[in-house]
Amino acid sequence: MRKKCTTYLTSIQTDIVRSIQQWSIRYVMGRAGGFSANFSPETLEAFRSLCKEQGKQYTKVLEQMAEIYIQHGGNIEVLMTTAGSGSSSRGSTKSLVGRVDQLEENEEFNAEAFETIDRRLTALEEKKRR
């Protein structure tokens, strides 16, 4: 009888703990994956405004920053380096686009050259057969 009571009480405790956890996820955090932060009002407003100007959801930007922070083992300098290299990344992007364009032009030139070589080779082979 005592074992049944202990098992029943353990079951009730487990149910209570589970209910509290579900309640805290719903009502304290808002939803699974949610969090609460104490930003200074000025910082939060400036951040939200900048994200809005860029057409981005500030929660998604925060999530991306957190992912970068995790990927780099908490090295905050990575975020600062990335932020400071905006103009150089634009320049390198422009350079890469130019290089891709040049490769495409070279590819077209090479295709034409190979077609010419193939026609000449075919003509020579036909002459040799006659």
N, C-alpha and C. Protein backbone atom coordinates (compact mmCIF):
# COMPACT_ATOMS: atom_id res chain seq x y z
N MET A 1 0.82 -1.19 0.00
CA MET A 1 0.00 0.00 0.00
C MET A 1 0.87 1.26 0.00
N ARG A 2 1.94 1.23 0.79
CA ARG A 2 2.82 2.39 0.89
C ARG A 2 3.50 2.67 -0.45
N LYS A 3 3.89 1.60 -1.16
CA LYS A 3 4.53 1.76 -2.47
C LYS A 3 3.57 2.40 -3.47
N LYS A 4 2.30 2.01 -3.43
CA LYS A 4 1.30 2.59 -4.32
C LYS A 4 1.13 4.09 -4.04
N CYS A 5 1.12 4.45 -2.75
CA CYS A 5 0.98 5.86 -2.38
C CYS A 5 2.19 6.66 -2.85
N THR A 6 3.39 6.10 -2.68
CA THR A 6 4.61 6.78 -3.11
C THR A 6 4.61 6.97 -4.62
N THR A 7 4.22 5.93 -5.34
CA THR A 7 4.16 6.01 -6.80
C THR A 7 3.13 7.06 -7.22
N TYR A 8 1.98 7.07 -6.55
CA TYR A 8 0.93 8.03 -6.88
C TYR A 8 1.40 9.46 -6.60
N LEU A 9 2.07 9.67 -5.46
CA LEU A 9 2.57 11.00 -5.12
C LEU A 9 3.64 11.46 -6.11
N THR A 10 4.51 10.54 -6.51
CA THR A 10 5.55 10.87 -7.49
C THR A 10 4.90 11.26 -8.81
N SER A 11 3.86 10.54 -9.19
CA SER A 11 3.14 10.86 -10.43
C SER A 11 2.50 12.25 -10.34
N ILE A 12 1.91 12.57 -9.19
CA ILE A 12 1.30 13.89 -9.01
C ILE A 12 2.37 14.97 -9.05
N GLN A 13 3.51 14.73 -8.40
CA GLN A 13 4.59 15.71 -8.41
C GLN A 13 5.09 15.96 -9.83
N THR A 14 5.24 14.89 -10.58
CA THR A 14 5.70 15.02 -11.97
C THR A 14 4.71 15.84 -12.78
N ASP A 15 3.43 15.57 -12.59
CA ASP A 15 2.40 16.34 -13.31
C ASP A 15 2.41 17.81 -12.92
N ILE A 16 2.61 18.09 -11.62
CA ILE A 16 2.66 19.47 -11.16
C ILE A 16 3.86 20.19 -11.76
N VAL A 17 5.04 19.53 -11.73
CA VAL A 17 6.24 20.14 -12.30
C VAL A 17 6.05 20.42 -13.78
N ARG A 18 5.51 19.46 -14.50
CA ARG A 18 5.26 19.63 -15.94
C ARG A 18 4.29 20.78 -16.18
N SER A 19 3.24 20.88 -15.37
CA SER A 19 2.27 21.97 -15.53
C SER A 19 2.92 23.33 -15.27
N ILE A 20 3.76 23.39 -14.24
CA ILE A 20 4.46 24.65 -13.93
C ILE A 20 5.40 25.04 -15.07
N GLN A 21 6.11 24.06 -15.60
CA GLN A 21 7.02 24.35 -16.72
C GLN A 21 6.24 24.87 -17.93
N GLN A 22 5.14 24.21 -18.25
CA GLN A 22 4.34 24.66 -19.40
C GLN A 22 3.76 26.05 -19.14
N TRP A 23 3.31 26.30 -17.92
CA TRP A 23 2.78 27.62 -17.58
C TRP A 23 3.86 28.68 -17.72
N SER A 24 5.07 28.38 -17.21
CA SER A 24 6.13 29.38 -17.27
C SER A 24 6.54 29.66 -18.71
N ILE A 25 6.52 28.65 -19.56
CA ILE A 25 6.86 28.86 -20.97
C ILE A 25 5.79 29.76 -21.60
N ARG A 26 4.53 29.49 -21.30
CA ARG A 26 3.45 30.27 -21.92
C ARG A 26 3.34 31.70 -21.38
N TYR A 27 3.41 31.83 -20.07
CA TYR A 27 3.08 33.11 -19.47
C TYR A 27 4.28 33.95 -19.04
N VAL A 28 5.36 33.33 -18.69
CA VAL A 28 6.52 34.10 -18.29
C VAL A 28 7.33 34.48 -19.52
N MET A 29 7.59 33.52 -20.39
CA MET A 29 8.40 33.77 -21.56
C MET A 29 7.56 34.19 -22.76
N GLY A 30 6.27 34.00 -22.72
CA GLY A 30 5.43 34.35 -23.86
C GLY A 30 5.26 33.16 -24.79
N ARG A 31 6.34 32.47 -25.09
CA ARG A 31 6.30 31.28 -25.95
C ARG A 31 7.66 30.61 -25.86
N ALA A 32 7.69 29.36 -26.33
CA ALA A 32 8.98 28.67 -26.36
C ALA A 32 9.92 29.43 -27.29
N GLY A 33 11.14 29.65 -26.85
CA GLY A 33 12.10 30.40 -27.66
C GLY A 33 12.09 31.89 -27.39
N GLY A 34 11.14 32.35 -26.60
CA GLY A 34 11.06 33.77 -26.28
C GLY A 34 12.00 34.12 -25.15
N PHE A 35 12.30 35.38 -25.00
CA PHE A 35 13.11 35.84 -23.89
C PHE A 35 12.76 37.29 -23.57
N SER A 36 13.22 37.70 -22.42
CA SER A 36 13.00 39.07 -21.99
C SER A 36 14.35 39.71 -21.74
N ALA A 37 14.51 40.97 -22.13
CA ALA A 37 15.79 41.64 -21.93
C ALA A 37 15.54 43.02 -21.36
N ASN A 38 16.50 43.50 -20.60
CA ASN A 38 16.42 44.84 -20.03
C ASN A 38 17.39 45.77 -20.74
N PHE A 39 17.03 46.19 -21.95
CA PHE A 39 17.82 47.18 -22.67
C PHE A 39 17.51 48.55 -22.09
N SER A 40 18.43 49.46 -22.26
CA SER A 40 18.06 50.84 -21.92
C SER A 40 17.04 51.26 -22.97
N PRO A 41 16.05 52.04 -22.58
CA PRO A 41 15.00 52.42 -23.54
C PRO A 41 15.55 53.09 -24.80
N GLU A 42 16.60 53.91 -24.64
CA GLU A 42 17.18 54.60 -25.79
C GLU A 42 17.83 53.60 -26.76
N THR A 43 18.57 52.65 -26.20
CA THR A 43 19.23 51.65 -27.04
C THR A 43 18.21 50.80 -27.78
N LEU A 44 17.19 50.35 -27.06
CA LEU A 44 16.17 49.51 -27.68
C LEU A 44 15.44 50.28 -28.79
N GLU A 45 15.09 51.51 -28.53
CA GLU A 45 14.37 52.31 -29.53
C GLU A 45 15.24 52.57 -30.76
N ALA A 46 16.53 52.89 -30.53
CA ALA A 46 17.43 53.13 -31.66
C ALA A 46 17.61 51.85 -32.48
N PHE A 47 17.74 50.73 -31.80
CA PHE A 47 17.90 49.44 -32.48
C PHE A 47 16.65 49.09 -33.30
N ARG A 48 15.49 49.23 -32.67
CA ARG A 48 14.24 48.94 -33.38
C ARG A 48 14.06 49.87 -34.59
N SER A 49 14.37 51.13 -34.41
CA SER A 49 14.22 52.11 -35.50
C SER A 49 15.14 51.76 -36.67
N LEU A 50 16.39 51.43 -36.37
CA LEU A 50 17.33 51.07 -37.43
C LEU A 50 16.87 49.82 -38.17
N CYS A 51 16.43 48.82 -37.43
CA CYS A 51 15.93 47.59 -38.07
C CYS A 51 14.72 47.90 -38.95
N LYS A 52 13.83 48.76 -38.45
CA LYS A 52 12.63 49.13 -39.21
C LYS A 52 13.01 49.85 -40.50
N GLU A 53 13.98 50.76 -40.41
CA GLU A 53 14.45 51.49 -41.60
C GLU A 53 14.99 50.53 -42.66
N GLN A 54 15.65 49.47 -42.18
CA GLN A 54 16.24 48.48 -43.10
C GLN A 54 15.25 47.41 -43.51
N GLY A 55 14.02 47.48 -42.99
CA GLY A 55 13.00 46.50 -43.35
C GLY A 55 13.24 45.14 -42.72
N LYS A 56 13.86 45.14 -41.54
CA LYS A 56 14.16 43.87 -40.87
C LYS A 56 13.44 43.82 -39.53
N GLN A 57 13.11 42.60 -39.11
CA GLN A 57 12.53 42.42 -37.79
C GLN A 57 13.66 42.42 -36.77
N TYR A 58 13.52 43.25 -35.75
CA TYR A 58 14.62 43.36 -34.79
C TYR A 58 14.86 42.05 -34.05
N THR A 59 13.82 41.24 -33.86
CA THR A 59 14.02 39.95 -33.18
C THR A 59 14.86 39.00 -34.03
N LYS A 60 14.68 39.07 -35.34
CA LYS A 60 15.48 38.22 -36.24
C LYS A 60 16.94 38.68 -36.26
N VAL A 61 17.14 39.99 -36.21
CA VAL A 61 18.51 40.52 -36.18
C VAL A 61 19.20 40.09 -34.89
N LEU A 62 18.49 40.19 -33.77
CA LEU A 62 19.05 39.73 -32.49
C LEU A 62 19.40 38.24 -32.55
N GLU A 63 18.52 37.46 -33.15
CA GLU A 63 18.76 36.02 -33.25
C GLU A 63 20.00 35.74 -34.10
N GLN A 64 20.15 36.46 -35.22
CA GLN A 64 21.33 36.26 -36.07
C GLN A 64 22.60 36.66 -35.34
N MET A 65 22.53 37.76 -34.57
CA MET A 65 23.71 38.17 -33.81
C MET A 65 24.05 37.12 -32.75
N ALA A 66 23.05 36.55 -32.12
CA ALA A 66 23.29 35.51 -31.12
C ALA A 66 23.92 34.28 -31.77
N GLU A 67 23.46 33.91 -32.97
CA GLU A 67 24.04 32.76 -33.67
C GLU A 67 25.50 33.00 -34.01
N ILE A 68 25.82 34.20 -34.48
CA ILE A 68 27.23 34.53 -34.80
C ILE A 68 28.07 34.48 -33.52
N TYR A 69 27.53 35.02 -32.45
CA TYR A 69 28.22 35.03 -31.16
C TYR A 69 28.52 33.59 -30.71
N ILE A 70 27.54 32.71 -30.85
CA ILE A 70 27.72 31.30 -30.46
C ILE A 70 28.74 30.62 -31.36
N GLN A 71 28.61 30.83 -32.68
CA GLN A 71 29.52 30.19 -33.63
C GLN A 71 30.97 30.56 -33.39
N HIS A 72 31.21 31.75 -32.86
CA HIS A 72 32.57 32.21 -32.64
C HIS A 72 32.97 32.14 -31.17
N GLY A 73 32.30 31.28 -30.43
CA GLY A 73 32.67 31.02 -29.05
C GLY A 73 32.58 32.23 -28.14
N GLY A 74 31.65 33.11 -28.40
CA GLY A 74 31.47 34.27 -27.54
C GLY A 74 32.40 35.42 -27.85
N ASN A 75 33.06 35.36 -28.99
CA ASN A 75 33.99 36.43 -29.38
C ASN A 75 33.18 37.59 -29.95
N ILE A 76 32.93 38.59 -29.14
CA ILE A 76 32.14 39.75 -29.55
C ILE A 76 32.85 40.59 -30.60
N GLU A 77 34.18 40.48 -30.66
CA GLU A 77 34.96 41.26 -31.62
C GLU A 77 34.60 40.90 -33.06
N VAL A 78 34.13 39.68 -33.28
CA VAL A 78 33.72 39.26 -34.63
C VAL A 78 32.59 40.14 -35.12
N LEU A 79 31.63 40.42 -34.24
CA LEU A 79 30.52 41.29 -34.62
C LEU A 79 31.00 42.70 -34.90
N MET A 80 31.95 43.17 -34.12
CA MET A 80 32.47 44.53 -34.32
C MET A 80 33.28 44.61 -35.60
N THR A 81 34.06 43.58 -35.91
CA THR A 81 34.85 43.55 -37.13
C THR A 81 33.94 43.52 -38.34
N THR A 82 32.89 42.72 -38.27
CA THR A 82 31.94 42.63 -39.37
C THR A 82 31.26 43.96 -39.59
N ALA A 83 30.90 44.63 -38.51
CA ALA A 83 30.21 45.92 -38.63
C ALA A 83 31.13 46.97 -39.23
N GLY A 84 32.41 46.95 -38.90
CA GLY A 84 33.34 47.95 -39.39
C GLY A 84 33.77 47.75 -40.81
N SER A 85 33.54 46.59 -41.37
CA SER A 85 34.03 46.30 -42.72
C SER A 85 32.95 46.45 -43.78
N GLY A 86 31.92 47.23 -43.51
CA GLY A 86 30.83 47.38 -44.46
C GLY A 86 31.26 47.92 -45.80
N SER A 87 32.07 48.99 -45.81
CA SER A 87 32.47 49.59 -47.08
C SER A 87 33.46 48.70 -47.81
N SER A 88 34.35 48.04 -47.07
CA SER A 88 35.31 47.16 -47.74
C SER A 88 34.62 45.93 -48.28
N SER A 89 33.56 45.46 -47.60
CA SER A 89 32.84 44.30 -48.13
C SER A 89 32.09 44.68 -49.40
N ARG A 90 31.59 45.94 -49.45
CA ARG A 90 30.94 46.38 -50.69
C ARG A 90 31.94 46.43 -51.83
N GLY A 91 33.14 46.93 -51.53
CA GLY A 91 34.20 47.00 -52.54
C GLY A 91 34.61 45.62 -53.00
N SER A 92 34.74 44.69 -52.06
CA SER A 92 35.14 43.35 -52.46
C SER A 92 34.02 42.66 -53.21
N THR A 93 32.77 42.96 -52.88
CA THR A 93 31.65 42.40 -53.62
C THR A 93 31.66 42.92 -55.05
N LYS A 94 31.91 44.22 -55.21
CA LYS A 94 31.98 44.82 -56.53
C LYS A 94 33.11 44.18 -57.34
N SER A 95 34.25 43.95 -56.67
CA SER A 95 35.39 43.31 -57.32
C SER A 95 35.04 41.90 -57.77
N LEU A 96 34.35 41.17 -56.91
CA LEU A 96 33.95 39.80 -57.25
C LEU A 96 32.98 39.78 -58.43
N VAL A 97 32.06 40.72 -58.45
CA VAL A 97 31.11 40.78 -59.57
C VAL A 97 31.86 41.05 -60.87
N GLY A 98 32.84 41.96 -60.81
CA GLY A 98 33.66 42.25 -61.99
C GLY A 98 34.42 41.02 -62.46
N ARG A 99 34.96 40.28 -61.52
CA ARG A 99 35.72 39.07 -61.88
C ARG A 99 34.81 38.01 -62.49
N VAL A 100 33.60 37.87 -61.95
CA VAL A 100 32.65 36.91 -62.52
C VAL A 100 32.28 37.32 -63.93
N ASP A 101 32.03 38.62 -64.15
CA ASP A 101 31.71 39.11 -65.49
C ASP A 101 32.85 38.79 -66.46
N GLN A 102 34.08 39.02 -65.99
CA GLN A 102 35.25 38.75 -66.84
C GLN A 102 35.35 37.26 -67.17
N LEU A 103 35.09 36.41 -66.19
CA LEU A 103 35.12 34.97 -66.44
C LEU A 103 34.05 34.55 -67.45
N GLU A 104 32.86 35.16 -67.33
CA GLU A 104 31.81 34.84 -68.28
C GLU A 104 32.19 35.27 -69.69
N GLU A 105 32.81 36.46 -69.81
CA GLU A 105 33.27 36.91 -71.12
C GLU A 105 34.34 35.97 -71.67
N ASN A 106 35.27 35.56 -70.81
CA ASN A 106 36.31 34.62 -71.23
C ASN A 106 35.70 33.30 -71.68
N GLU A 107 34.67 32.88 -70.96
CA GLU A 107 34.01 31.63 -71.31
C GLU A 107 33.38 31.72 -72.71
N GLU A 108 32.74 32.86 -72.99
CA GLU A 108 32.15 33.07 -74.31
C GLU A 108 33.26 33.07 -75.38
N PHE A 109 34.36 33.77 -75.10
CA PHE A 109 35.47 33.80 -76.04
C PHE A 109 36.01 32.40 -76.27
N ASN A 110 36.21 31.65 -75.20
CA ASN A 110 36.73 30.29 -75.32
C ASN A 110 35.78 29.40 -76.11
N ALA A 111 34.48 29.55 -75.89
CA ALA A 111 33.51 28.75 -76.63
C ALA A 111 33.61 29.05 -78.13
N GLU A 112 33.73 30.33 -78.48
CA GLU A 112 33.88 30.69 -79.89
C GLU A 112 35.18 30.14 -80.46
N ALA A 113 36.25 30.22 -79.67
CA ALA A 113 37.55 29.70 -80.14
C ALA A 113 37.49 28.21 -80.36
N PHE A 114 36.86 27.49 -79.45
CA PHE A 114 36.75 26.04 -79.60
C PHE A 114 35.89 25.66 -80.80
N GLU A 115 34.83 26.43 -81.05
CA GLU A 115 34.00 26.17 -82.22
C GLU A 115 34.81 26.36 -83.50
N THR A 116 35.62 27.42 -83.55
CA THR A 116 36.47 27.68 -84.71
C THR A 116 37.48 26.56 -84.90
N ILE A 117 38.12 26.15 -83.83
CA ILE A 117 39.10 25.07 -83.90
C ILE A 117 38.43 23.78 -84.36
N ASP A 118 37.23 23.52 -83.84
CA ASP A 118 36.51 22.30 -84.23
C ASP A 118 36.15 22.32 -85.71
N ARG A 119 35.71 23.48 -86.22
CA ARG A 119 35.38 23.58 -87.66
C ARG A 119 36.63 23.34 -88.51
N ARG A 120 37.75 23.95 -88.13
CA ARG A 120 38.99 23.77 -88.89
C ARG A 120 39.46 22.32 -88.85
N LEU A 121 39.36 21.71 -87.67
CA LEU A 121 39.77 20.31 -87.54
C LEU A 121 38.89 19.40 -88.39
N THR A 122 37.60 19.67 -88.38
CA THR A 122 36.68 18.87 -89.19
C THR A 122 37.00 19.05 -90.68
N ALA A 123 37.28 20.28 -91.11
CA ALA A 123 37.63 20.55 -92.51
C ALA A 123 38.91 19.81 -92.88
N LEU A 124 39.92 19.83 -92.01
CA LEU A 124 41.18 19.13 -92.29
C LEU A 124 40.98 17.62 -92.38
N GLU A 125 40.15 17.08 -91.51
CA GLU A 125 39.88 15.65 -91.55
C GLU A 125 39.17 15.25 -92.85
N GLU A 126 38.24 16.13 -93.30
CA GLU A 126 37.54 15.84 -94.55
C GLU A 126 38.50 15.90 -95.74
N LYS A 127 39.43 16.86 -95.72
CA LYS A 127 40.43 16.95 -96.80
C LYS A 127 41.29 15.71 -96.82
N LYS A 128 41.66 15.24 -95.65
CA LYS A 128 42.55 14.07 -95.56
C LYS A 128 41.86 12.83 -96.08
N ARG A 129 40.57 12.69 -95.89
CA ARG A 129 39.80 11.52 -96.37
C ARG A 129 39.72 11.50 -97.89
N ARG A 130 39.73 12.64 -98.55
CA ARG A 130 39.55 12.70 -100.01
C ARG A 130 40.78 12.32 -100.66
